[in-house]
């Protein structure tokens, strides 16, 4: 008998609308009261940090400029600097909060490079632990997430509360 592995959260992504308004522009323009629902950790004048709604690992974060650009060269120097500073801050905070043994940090520039949202530049910050890779993605095309997104948000948001920018209201 064949075992079935269920990942019903994937159907939301598969059947969800494609195109439409830019997700990062929407997040940056959202009021702080919606940050928890939208998984936003901090919004600064030039950059934002949020949890990836369709993560590769628990606490997978995204750092994006507020400006709607697809290439690093399209950011003015001050905005580029702000995004890179926030990326650096995100790396150190995620490593500490998630007790990550390592991190994958990267930019996928263009569809051929794997960008799922190619029109708005963003960096991935993915915590890693020894042994966190297993056979599930290869055998069943399923990723095992050890923590719900809302719990990750609750755990991470205090680590970003001292950064300048807009934050969710205190609970």
N, C-alpha and C. Protein backbone atom coordinates (compact mmCIF):
# COMPACT_ATOMS: atom_id res chain seq x y z
N UNK A 1 0.84 -1.18 0.00
CA UNK A 1 0.00 0.00 0.00
C UNK A 1 0.89 1.25 0.00
N UNK A 2 0.56 2.21 -0.84
CA UNK A 2 1.31 3.45 -0.93
C UNK A 2 0.85 4.43 0.14
N UNK A 3 1.82 5.01 0.83
CA UNK A 3 1.51 6.03 1.83
C UNK A 3 1.28 7.37 1.14
N UNK A 4 0.41 8.17 1.72
CA UNK A 4 0.16 9.50 1.17
C UNK A 4 0.71 10.55 2.13
N UNK A 5 1.35 11.51 1.57
CA UNK A 5 1.84 12.65 2.34
C UNK A 5 1.06 13.87 1.90
N UNK A 6 0.49 14.57 2.86
CA UNK A 6 -0.38 15.69 2.54
C UNK A 6 0.32 17.02 2.81
N UNK A 7 0.19 17.94 1.89
CA UNK A 7 0.69 19.30 2.04
C UNK A 7 -0.39 20.26 1.52
N UNK A 8 -1.54 20.32 2.20
CA UNK A 8 -2.67 21.09 1.68
C UNK A 8 -2.40 22.59 1.57
N UNK A 9 -1.44 23.12 2.30
CA UNK A 9 -1.12 24.54 2.20
C UNK A 9 -0.64 24.91 0.81
N UNK A 10 -0.10 23.95 0.06
CA UNK A 10 0.41 24.21 -1.29
C UNK A 10 -0.70 24.59 -2.26
N UNK A 11 -1.93 24.08 -2.03
CA UNK A 11 -3.03 24.36 -2.94
C UNK A 11 -3.35 25.85 -2.99
N UNK A 12 -3.21 26.54 -1.87
CA UNK A 12 -3.44 27.99 -1.85
C UNK A 12 -2.52 28.68 -2.85
N UNK A 13 -1.28 28.26 -2.87
CA UNK A 13 -0.31 28.84 -3.81
C UNK A 13 -0.61 28.41 -5.25
N UNK A 14 -0.87 27.13 -5.45
CA UNK A 14 -1.11 26.59 -6.80
C UNK A 14 -2.33 27.25 -7.44
N UNK A 15 -3.43 27.35 -6.69
CA UNK A 15 -4.66 27.89 -7.25
C UNK A 15 -4.80 29.40 -7.06
N UNK A 16 -3.91 29.98 -6.30
CA UNK A 16 -3.99 31.42 -6.03
C UNK A 16 -3.82 32.24 -7.28
N UNK A 17 -4.34 33.45 -7.23
CA UNK A 17 -4.21 34.33 -8.40
C UNK A 17 -2.76 34.66 -8.67
N UNK A 18 -2.43 34.71 -9.93
CA UNK A 18 -1.10 35.08 -10.36
C UNK A 18 -1.17 36.50 -10.94
N UNK A 19 -0.08 37.20 -10.85
CA UNK A 19 -0.10 38.58 -11.33
C UNK A 19 -0.76 39.48 -10.30
N UNK A 20 -1.32 40.56 -10.75
CA UNK A 20 -1.95 41.50 -9.84
C UNK A 20 -0.93 42.41 -9.19
N UNK A 21 -1.33 43.06 -8.10
CA UNK A 21 -0.40 44.00 -7.47
C UNK A 21 0.82 43.28 -6.90
N UNK A 22 1.90 44.00 -6.81
CA UNK A 22 3.16 43.45 -6.30
C UNK A 22 3.02 43.17 -4.81
N UNK A 23 3.37 41.97 -4.39
CA UNK A 23 3.24 41.56 -3.00
C UNK A 23 4.15 42.41 -2.10
N UNK A 24 5.35 42.73 -2.53
CA UNK A 24 6.26 43.51 -1.70
C UNK A 24 5.80 44.96 -1.57
N UNK A 25 5.29 45.53 -2.65
CA UNK A 25 4.76 46.90 -2.59
C UNK A 25 3.55 46.94 -1.67
N UNK A 26 2.71 45.91 -1.73
CA UNK A 26 1.55 45.83 -0.85
C UNK A 26 1.98 45.74 0.61
N UNK A 27 2.97 44.90 0.90
CA UNK A 27 3.45 44.77 2.28
C UNK A 27 4.01 46.08 2.80
N UNK A 28 4.80 46.77 1.98
CA UNK A 28 5.43 48.02 2.40
C UNK A 28 4.40 49.11 2.67
N UNK A 29 3.26 49.06 1.99
CA UNK A 29 2.22 50.09 2.14
C UNK A 29 1.19 49.73 3.21
N UNK A 30 1.29 48.54 3.78
CA UNK A 30 0.29 48.08 4.75
C UNK A 30 0.44 48.78 6.09
N UNK A 31 -0.67 48.97 6.80
CA UNK A 31 -0.58 49.57 8.14
C UNK A 31 0.00 48.56 9.14
N UNK A 32 0.67 49.05 10.18
CA UNK A 32 1.27 48.15 11.16
C UNK A 32 0.28 47.16 11.78
N UNK A 33 -1.00 47.52 11.85
CA UNK A 33 -2.00 46.61 12.43
C UNK A 33 -2.14 45.32 11.61
N UNK A 34 -1.74 45.34 10.35
CA UNK A 34 -1.87 44.14 9.50
C UNK A 34 -0.57 43.35 9.41
N UNK A 35 0.48 43.79 10.07
CA UNK A 35 1.78 43.14 9.92
C UNK A 35 1.76 41.67 10.33
N UNK A 36 1.08 41.34 11.41
CA UNK A 36 1.07 39.93 11.83
C UNK A 36 0.42 39.06 10.77
N UNK A 37 -0.74 39.49 10.31
CA UNK A 37 -1.46 38.73 9.28
C UNK A 37 -0.63 38.60 8.01
N UNK A 38 0.11 39.65 7.67
CA UNK A 38 0.90 39.66 6.44
C UNK A 38 2.34 39.17 6.67
N UNK A 39 2.67 38.80 7.91
CA UNK A 39 3.96 38.23 8.27
C UNK A 39 5.12 39.22 8.14
N UNK A 40 4.83 40.51 8.30
CA UNK A 40 5.84 41.56 8.21
C UNK A 40 6.49 41.74 9.58
N UNK A 41 7.82 41.85 9.59
CA UNK A 41 8.56 42.05 10.84
C UNK A 41 8.94 43.51 11.05
N UNK A 42 9.33 44.21 9.99
CA UNK A 42 9.68 45.63 10.10
C UNK A 42 9.60 46.27 8.71
N UNK A 43 9.17 47.53 8.70
CA UNK A 43 9.16 48.33 7.47
C UNK A 43 9.97 49.59 7.75
N UNK A 44 11.02 49.77 6.99
CA UNK A 44 11.87 50.95 7.12
C UNK A 44 11.62 51.86 5.91
N UNK A 45 12.17 53.06 5.93
CA UNK A 45 11.93 53.97 4.80
C UNK A 45 12.31 53.40 3.44
N UNK A 46 13.36 52.55 3.38
CA UNK A 46 13.80 52.03 2.10
C UNK A 46 13.72 50.51 1.95
N UNK A 47 13.35 49.79 3.02
CA UNK A 47 13.40 48.32 2.95
C UNK A 47 12.42 47.69 3.94
N UNK A 48 12.10 46.42 3.69
CA UNK A 48 11.21 45.66 4.56
C UNK A 48 11.78 44.26 4.81
N UNK A 49 11.31 43.64 5.90
CA UNK A 49 11.60 42.24 6.20
C UNK A 49 10.28 41.56 6.49
N UNK A 50 10.08 40.38 5.90
CA UNK A 50 8.88 39.59 6.17
C UNK A 50 9.23 38.11 6.10
N UNK A 51 8.36 37.30 6.65
CA UNK A 51 8.48 35.86 6.49
C UNK A 51 8.02 35.47 5.10
N UNK A 52 8.65 34.46 4.52
CA UNK A 52 8.21 33.92 3.25
C UNK A 52 6.94 33.10 3.50
N UNK A 53 5.87 33.43 2.79
CA UNK A 53 4.60 32.73 2.97
C UNK A 53 4.67 31.28 2.49
N UNK A 54 5.61 30.99 1.59
CA UNK A 54 5.80 29.64 1.06
C UNK A 54 7.26 29.25 1.28
N UNK A 55 7.63 28.98 2.53
CA UNK A 55 9.05 28.84 2.90
C UNK A 55 9.70 27.54 2.46
N UNK A 56 11.03 27.62 2.36
CA UNK A 56 11.85 26.44 2.13
C UNK A 56 12.25 25.80 3.46
N UNK A 57 12.24 26.60 4.52
CA UNK A 57 12.56 26.14 5.87
C UNK A 57 11.83 27.04 6.86
N UNK A 58 11.69 26.58 8.08
CA UNK A 58 11.05 27.39 9.11
C UNK A 58 11.85 28.68 9.29
N UNK A 59 11.16 29.79 9.45
CA UNK A 59 11.74 31.12 9.64
C UNK A 59 12.47 31.66 8.42
N UNK A 60 12.09 31.23 7.24
CA UNK A 60 12.64 31.72 5.96
C UNK A 60 12.19 33.17 5.79
N UNK A 61 13.14 34.10 5.78
CA UNK A 61 12.82 35.52 5.69
C UNK A 61 13.16 36.09 4.32
N UNK A 62 12.47 37.19 3.99
CA UNK A 62 12.71 37.93 2.76
C UNK A 62 13.02 39.38 3.13
N UNK A 63 14.04 39.93 2.50
CA UNK A 63 14.40 41.33 2.68
C UNK A 63 14.27 41.97 1.31
N UNK A 64 13.48 43.06 1.22
CA UNK A 64 13.22 43.69 -0.08
C UNK A 64 13.29 45.20 0.04
N UNK A 65 13.70 45.85 -1.04
CA UNK A 65 13.61 47.31 -1.05
C UNK A 65 12.14 47.70 -1.17
N UNK A 66 11.80 48.86 -0.70
CA UNK A 66 10.43 49.36 -0.90
C UNK A 66 10.22 49.78 -2.34
N UNK A 67 11.29 50.25 -2.97
CA UNK A 67 11.18 50.67 -4.37
C UNK A 67 10.94 49.44 -5.24
N UNK A 68 10.03 49.55 -6.17
CA UNK A 68 9.68 48.46 -7.08
C UNK A 68 10.71 48.40 -8.21
N UNK A 69 11.78 47.62 -7.97
CA UNK A 69 12.83 47.43 -8.98
C UNK A 69 13.17 45.94 -9.04
N UNK A 70 13.72 45.53 -10.17
CA UNK A 70 14.07 44.13 -10.32
C UNK A 70 15.57 43.88 -10.32
N UNK A 71 16.36 44.93 -10.33
CA UNK A 71 17.81 44.78 -10.43
C UNK A 71 18.51 45.65 -9.41
N UNK A 72 19.59 45.14 -8.83
CA UNK A 72 20.36 45.91 -7.85
C UNK A 72 20.83 47.24 -8.40
N UNK A 73 21.20 47.28 -9.66
CA UNK A 73 21.70 48.50 -10.28
C UNK A 73 20.66 49.59 -10.41
N UNK A 74 19.39 49.26 -10.23
CA UNK A 74 18.32 50.25 -10.33
C UNK A 74 18.07 50.98 -9.01
N UNK A 75 18.73 50.55 -7.95
CA UNK A 75 18.55 51.22 -6.66
C UNK A 75 19.57 52.35 -6.51
N UNK A 76 19.10 53.54 -6.12
CA UNK A 76 20.06 54.61 -5.80
C UNK A 76 20.95 54.15 -4.64
N UNK A 77 22.13 54.72 -4.52
CA UNK A 77 23.12 54.28 -3.53
C UNK A 77 22.57 54.25 -2.11
N UNK A 78 21.82 55.27 -1.70
CA UNK A 78 21.32 55.30 -0.32
C UNK A 78 20.32 54.18 -0.07
N UNK A 79 19.50 53.85 -1.06
CA UNK A 79 18.54 52.76 -0.91
C UNK A 79 19.24 51.41 -0.92
N UNK A 80 20.22 51.26 -1.79
CA UNK A 80 21.01 50.02 -1.82
C UNK A 80 21.66 49.81 -0.46
N UNK A 81 22.28 50.84 0.08
CA UNK A 81 22.94 50.74 1.39
C UNK A 81 21.94 50.35 2.48
N UNK A 82 20.76 50.94 2.45
CA UNK A 82 19.75 50.63 3.47
C UNK A 82 19.29 49.18 3.38
N UNK A 83 19.10 48.68 2.16
CA UNK A 83 18.69 47.28 1.97
C UNK A 83 19.78 46.34 2.46
N UNK A 84 21.02 46.63 2.12
CA UNK A 84 22.13 45.76 2.53
C UNK A 84 22.35 45.80 4.05
N UNK A 85 22.17 46.96 4.66
CA UNK A 85 22.27 47.04 6.13
C UNK A 85 21.17 46.22 6.79
N UNK A 86 19.95 46.32 6.23
CA UNK A 86 18.85 45.54 6.80
C UNK A 86 19.07 44.05 6.55
N UNK A 87 19.63 43.68 5.43
CA UNK A 87 19.96 42.28 5.16
C UNK A 87 20.98 41.78 6.19
N UNK A 88 22.01 42.57 6.46
CA UNK A 88 23.02 42.21 7.46
C UNK A 88 22.37 42.06 8.85
N UNK A 89 21.51 43.00 9.23
CA UNK A 89 20.82 42.92 10.53
C UNK A 89 19.92 41.69 10.60
N UNK A 90 19.25 41.39 9.49
CA UNK A 90 18.37 40.23 9.45
C UNK A 90 19.14 38.94 9.64
N UNK A 91 20.29 38.82 9.00
CA UNK A 91 21.13 37.63 9.12
C UNK A 91 21.53 37.42 10.58
N UNK A 92 22.01 38.44 11.24
CA UNK A 92 22.48 38.27 12.63
C UNK A 92 21.33 37.96 13.57
N UNK A 93 20.20 38.58 13.37
CA UNK A 93 19.05 38.35 14.25
C UNK A 93 18.45 36.96 14.03
N UNK A 94 18.33 36.56 12.78
CA UNK A 94 17.77 35.24 12.49
C UNK A 94 18.69 34.13 13.03
N UNK A 95 19.99 34.31 12.85
CA UNK A 95 20.94 33.31 13.37
C UNK A 95 20.73 33.14 14.89
N UNK A 96 20.58 34.24 15.61
CA UNK A 96 20.43 34.18 17.06
C UNK A 96 19.08 33.61 17.48
N UNK A 97 17.99 34.11 16.90
CA UNK A 97 16.65 33.70 17.32
C UNK A 97 16.35 32.25 16.94
N UNK A 98 16.78 31.85 15.76
CA UNK A 98 16.48 30.49 15.28
C UNK A 98 17.55 29.48 15.68
N UNK A 99 18.59 29.94 16.37
CA UNK A 99 19.72 29.07 16.71
C UNK A 99 20.24 28.33 15.47
N UNK A 100 20.28 29.06 14.37
CA UNK A 100 20.71 28.47 13.10
C UNK A 100 22.21 28.16 13.13
N UNK A 101 22.54 26.98 12.62
CA UNK A 101 23.95 26.58 12.52
C UNK A 101 24.58 27.13 11.25
N UNK A 102 23.74 27.54 10.34
CA UNK A 102 24.19 28.14 9.08
C UNK A 102 23.03 28.89 8.46
N UNK A 103 23.30 29.62 7.42
CA UNK A 103 22.27 30.39 6.71
C UNK A 103 22.55 30.35 5.22
N UNK A 104 21.49 30.25 4.43
CA UNK A 104 21.59 30.50 3.00
C UNK A 104 21.09 31.92 2.80
N UNK A 105 21.88 32.76 2.15
CA UNK A 105 21.51 34.13 1.84
C UNK A 105 21.69 34.31 0.35
N UNK A 106 20.64 34.76 -0.33
CA UNK A 106 20.80 34.89 -1.77
C UNK A 106 19.74 35.72 -2.44
N UNK A 107 20.11 36.16 -3.65
CA UNK A 107 19.23 36.91 -4.54
C UNK A 107 19.06 36.09 -5.80
N UNK A 108 17.83 35.90 -6.23
CA UNK A 108 17.55 35.24 -7.50
C UNK A 108 17.14 36.34 -8.48
N UNK A 109 18.06 36.73 -9.33
CA UNK A 109 17.82 37.85 -10.25
C UNK A 109 17.37 37.30 -11.60
N UNK A 110 16.08 37.39 -11.87
CA UNK A 110 15.51 36.91 -13.13
C UNK A 110 14.92 35.52 -13.02
N UNK A 111 13.97 35.24 -13.88
CA UNK A 111 13.27 33.95 -13.88
C UNK A 111 14.23 32.78 -14.05
N UNK A 112 15.20 32.91 -14.96
CA UNK A 112 16.15 31.83 -15.20
C UNK A 112 16.99 31.51 -13.96
N UNK A 113 17.13 32.48 -13.06
CA UNK A 113 17.89 32.28 -11.84
C UNK A 113 17.02 31.75 -10.70
N UNK A 114 15.74 31.54 -10.97
CA UNK A 114 14.85 30.98 -9.97
C UNK A 114 13.96 31.98 -9.26
N UNK A 115 13.93 33.22 -9.72
CA UNK A 115 13.10 34.23 -9.07
C UNK A 115 11.62 33.90 -9.26
N UNK A 116 10.92 33.72 -8.15
CA UNK A 116 9.47 33.50 -8.20
C UNK A 116 8.72 34.80 -8.41
N UNK A 117 9.27 35.88 -7.87
CA UNK A 117 8.73 37.23 -8.08
C UNK A 117 9.88 38.03 -8.68
N UNK A 118 10.01 37.96 -9.99
CA UNK A 118 11.18 38.55 -10.64
C UNK A 118 11.11 40.06 -10.78
N UNK A 119 9.91 40.64 -10.70
CA UNK A 119 9.78 42.07 -10.93
C UNK A 119 10.13 42.93 -9.71
N UNK A 120 10.26 42.32 -8.53
CA UNK A 120 10.62 43.09 -7.33
C UNK A 120 11.78 42.38 -6.64
N UNK A 121 12.92 43.01 -6.67
CA UNK A 121 14.14 42.51 -6.05
C UNK A 121 13.90 42.11 -4.60
N UNK A 122 14.43 40.98 -4.19
CA UNK A 122 14.36 40.57 -2.78
C UNK A 122 15.42 39.52 -2.51
N UNK A 123 15.88 39.51 -1.27
CA UNK A 123 16.88 38.53 -0.83
C UNK A 123 16.22 37.51 0.08
N UNK A 124 16.65 36.28 -0.03
CA UNK A 124 16.19 35.19 0.84
C UNK A 124 17.22 34.98 1.94
N UNK A 125 16.73 34.80 3.16
CA UNK A 125 17.59 34.46 4.29
C UNK A 125 16.96 33.21 4.91
N UNK A 126 17.63 32.08 4.71
CA UNK A 126 17.07 30.78 5.12
C UNK A 126 17.96 30.15 6.18
N UNK A 127 17.42 29.97 7.40
CA UNK A 127 18.22 29.32 8.44
C UNK A 127 18.39 27.84 8.14
N UNK A 128 19.55 27.30 8.52
CA UNK A 128 19.83 25.89 8.27
C UNK A 128 20.42 25.25 9.52
N UNK A 129 20.16 23.96 9.67
CA UNK A 129 20.67 23.18 10.79
C UNK A 129 21.22 21.88 10.25
N UNK A 130 22.24 21.36 10.87
CA UNK A 130 22.81 20.09 10.45
C UNK A 130 21.71 19.03 10.49
N UNK A 131 21.54 18.34 9.38
CA UNK A 131 20.53 17.28 9.31
C UNK A 131 19.14 17.76 8.94
N UNK A 132 18.97 19.05 8.60
CA UNK A 132 17.62 19.52 8.29
C UNK A 132 17.16 19.09 6.90
N UNK A 133 18.07 18.63 6.07
CA UNK A 133 17.69 18.11 4.76
C UNK A 133 17.40 16.62 4.89
N UNK A 134 16.31 16.19 4.30
CA UNK A 134 15.97 14.78 4.34
C UNK A 134 15.40 14.35 3.00
N UNK A 135 14.86 13.18 2.95
CA UNK A 135 14.39 12.59 1.71
C UNK A 135 13.02 13.11 1.27
N UNK A 136 12.29 13.81 2.12
CA UNK A 136 10.91 14.19 1.82
C UNK A 136 10.76 15.00 0.53
N UNK A 137 11.55 16.05 0.29
CA UNK A 137 11.37 16.79 -0.96
C UNK A 137 11.68 15.95 -2.20
N UNK A 138 12.64 15.05 -2.10
CA UNK A 138 13.03 14.23 -3.24
C UNK A 138 11.98 13.16 -3.53
N UNK A 139 11.54 12.47 -2.49
CA UNK A 139 10.62 11.35 -2.67
C UNK A 139 9.18 11.79 -2.85
N UNK A 140 8.75 12.78 -2.09
CA UNK A 140 7.33 13.12 -2.07
C UNK A 140 7.02 14.55 -2.48
N UNK A 141 8.02 15.34 -2.87
CA UNK A 141 7.82 16.74 -3.21
C UNK A 141 7.09 17.47 -2.07
N UNK A 142 7.51 17.18 -0.85
CA UNK A 142 6.91 17.75 0.35
C UNK A 142 8.04 18.30 1.23
N UNK A 143 7.84 19.47 1.77
CA UNK A 143 8.77 20.03 2.75
C UNK A 143 8.13 19.94 4.12
N UNK A 144 8.86 19.45 5.07
CA UNK A 144 8.35 19.32 6.43
C UNK A 144 8.73 20.60 7.18
N UNK A 145 7.74 21.33 7.62
CA UNK A 145 7.96 22.57 8.37
C UNK A 145 7.70 22.28 9.84
N UNK A 146 8.70 22.45 10.70
CA UNK A 146 8.52 22.12 12.11
C UNK A 146 7.80 23.20 12.91
N UNK A 147 7.47 24.32 12.26
CA UNK A 147 6.83 25.41 12.99
C UNK A 147 5.86 26.14 12.07
N UNK A 148 4.69 26.52 12.61
CA UNK A 148 3.69 27.27 11.86
C UNK A 148 4.20 28.69 11.62
N UNK A 149 3.81 29.31 10.51
CA UNK A 149 4.26 30.65 10.17
C UNK A 149 3.95 31.68 11.26
N UNK A 150 2.76 31.60 11.85
CA UNK A 150 2.41 32.58 12.88
C UNK A 150 3.30 32.42 14.10
N UNK A 151 3.65 31.20 14.45
CA UNK A 151 4.55 30.99 15.60
C UNK A 151 5.95 31.53 15.28
N UNK A 152 6.41 31.33 14.05
CA UNK A 152 7.69 31.90 13.64
C UNK A 152 7.64 33.42 13.75
N UNK A 153 6.56 34.03 13.28
CA UNK A 153 6.42 35.48 13.35
C UNK A 153 6.49 35.95 14.81
N UNK A 154 5.73 35.27 15.69
CA UNK A 154 5.73 35.66 17.11
C UNK A 154 7.13 35.57 17.72
N UNK A 155 7.88 34.57 17.33
CA UNK A 155 9.21 34.36 17.88
C UNK A 155 10.22 35.37 17.32
N UNK A 156 10.05 35.77 16.07
CA UNK A 156 11.00 36.65 15.42
C UNK A 156 10.74 38.14 15.64
N UNK A 157 9.49 38.54 15.76
CA UNK A 157 9.18 39.97 15.80
C UNK A 157 9.89 40.71 16.94
N UNK A 158 10.07 40.14 18.13
CA UNK A 158 10.80 40.88 19.16
C UNK A 158 12.25 41.17 18.77
N UNK A 159 12.85 40.32 17.97
CA UNK A 159 14.25 40.51 17.57
C UNK A 159 14.42 41.68 16.62
N UNK A 160 13.34 42.14 16.01
CA UNK A 160 13.40 43.25 15.07
C UNK A 160 12.85 44.54 15.67
N UNK A 161 12.36 44.49 16.90
CA UNK A 161 11.67 45.63 17.50
C UNK A 161 12.58 46.82 17.79
N UNK A 162 13.89 46.60 17.88
CA UNK A 162 14.80 47.72 18.16
C UNK A 162 15.34 48.38 16.89
N UNK A 163 15.02 47.82 15.73
CA UNK A 163 15.44 48.45 14.48
C UNK A 163 14.57 49.66 14.18
N UNK A 164 15.13 50.68 13.55
CA UNK A 164 14.29 51.81 13.15
C UNK A 164 13.25 51.34 12.14
N UNK A 165 12.10 51.97 12.13
CA UNK A 165 11.05 51.64 11.18
C UNK A 165 9.73 51.39 11.84
N UNK A 166 8.76 51.01 11.04
CA UNK A 166 7.42 50.71 11.56
C UNK A 166 7.37 49.25 12.01
N UNK A 167 6.70 49.05 13.13
CA UNK A 167 6.59 47.73 13.72
C UNK A 167 5.13 47.42 14.02
N UNK A 168 4.80 46.14 14.18
CA UNK A 168 3.44 45.79 14.56
C UNK A 168 3.14 46.34 15.95
N UNK A 169 1.86 46.62 16.21
CA UNK A 169 1.51 47.09 17.55
C UNK A 169 1.81 46.02 18.58
N UNK A 170 2.15 46.45 19.79
CA UNK A 170 2.42 45.49 20.89
C UNK A 170 1.17 44.68 21.16
N UNK A 171 1.38 43.41 21.41
CA UNK A 171 0.24 42.51 21.66
C UNK A 171 -0.24 42.64 23.09
